[in-house]
Amino acid sequence: MALSYKARRRWSLVILLIGLPLYVVVAVNVIDMFDRPPFWVELVVYVVLGFLWAAPFKFVFKGVGKADPDAETDE
């Protein structure tokens, strides 16, 4: 089932405004549960986690920045 353009825009806002901050808090808390690793290890972990959070939502963000393909144009 494909999402409409409007639905993808709304879900992308929800993911970015609510989901991403929650994900950051969880990632920082997971790293803090262990002894603080060296800076380069911590950086690699955060970069990998940064890519992993977006992978499942790729279909939601695809094409959101473009004009609505279903909108009528006034030409």
Protein backbone atom coordinates (compact mmCIF):
# COMPACT_ATOMS: atom_id res chain seq x y z
CA MET A 1 0.00 0.00 0.00
CA ALA A 2 1.58 3.26 -1.15
CA LEU A 3 1.24 6.43 0.88
CA SER A 4 -0.06 9.57 -0.76
CA TYR A 5 2.17 12.62 -1.08
CA LYS A 6 0.36 14.42 1.76
CA ALA A 7 0.59 11.40 4.03
CA ARG A 8 4.32 11.05 3.36
CA ARG A 9 4.83 14.74 4.18
CA ARG A 10 2.92 14.42 7.45
CA TRP A 11 4.71 11.23 8.47
CA SER A 12 8.09 12.73 7.62
CA LEU A 13 7.37 15.66 9.95
CA VAL A 14 6.28 13.31 12.74
CA ILE A 15 9.41 11.20 12.28
CA LEU A 16 11.72 14.22 12.25
CA LEU A 17 10.09 16.19 15.08
CA ILE A 18 9.22 13.35 17.47
CA GLY A 19 11.01 10.18 16.38
CA LEU A 20 14.48 11.56 15.76
CA PRO A 21 14.86 13.32 19.14
CA LEU A 22 13.64 10.18 20.90
CA TYR A 23 16.12 8.10 18.93
CA VAL A 24 18.97 10.46 19.87
CA VAL A 25 18.08 10.21 23.57
CA VAL A 26 17.97 6.41 23.39
CA ALA A 27 21.29 6.22 21.50
CA VAL A 28 23.04 8.50 24.01
CA ASN A 29 21.63 6.54 26.96
CA VAL A 30 22.77 3.24 25.46
CA ILE A 31 26.31 4.58 24.99
CA ASP A 32 26.30 5.97 28.55
CA MET A 33 25.37 2.57 30.03
CA PHE A 34 28.89 1.40 29.25
CA ASP A 35 32.13 3.10 30.23
CA ARG A 36 32.72 5.97 27.87
CA PRO A 37 34.63 4.64 24.85
CA PRO A 38 37.41 6.56 23.08
CA PHE A 39 36.27 9.50 20.99
CA TRP A 40 36.79 7.82 17.62
CA VAL A 41 34.79 4.73 18.67
CA GLU A 42 31.97 6.91 19.95
CA LEU A 43 31.99 8.91 16.72
CA VAL A 44 31.80 5.75 14.58
CA VAL A 45 28.92 4.40 16.69
CA TYR A 46 26.94 7.64 16.34
CA VAL A 47 27.56 7.82 12.58
CA VAL A 48 26.41 4.23 12.10
CA LEU A 49 23.35 4.80 14.28
CA GLY A 50 22.62 7.95 12.29
CA PHE A 51 22.36 5.93 9.09
CA LEU A 52 20.48 3.07 10.72
CA TRP A 53 17.60 5.19 12.03
CA ALA A 54 16.83 6.54 8.56
CA ALA A 55 17.02 3.26 6.63
CA PRO A 56 13.51 2.00 7.51
CA PHE A 57 11.98 5.39 6.68
CA LYS A 58 13.57 5.88 3.27
CA PHE A 59 10.26 5.34 1.46
CA VAL A 60 8.60 8.04 3.59
CA PHE A 61 11.22 10.70 2.84
CA LYS A 62 11.59 9.90 -0.87
CA GLY A 63 10.29 12.82 -2.96
CA VAL A 64 8.93 14.86 -0.06
CA GLY A 65 11.05 17.89 -0.95
CA LYS A 66 9.68 18.02 -4.50
CA ALA A 67 6.43 19.54 -5.68
CA ASP A 68 3.24 17.51 -5.28
CA PRO A 69 3.05 15.23 -8.32
CA ASP A 70 -0.75 15.02 -8.06
CA ALA A 71 -1.30 18.78 -7.91
CA GLU A 72 -2.80 20.48 -10.93
CA THR A 73 -0.60 23.05 -12.63
CA ASP A 74 -1.93 26.41 -13.83
CA GLU A 75 -0.44 26.74 -17.30
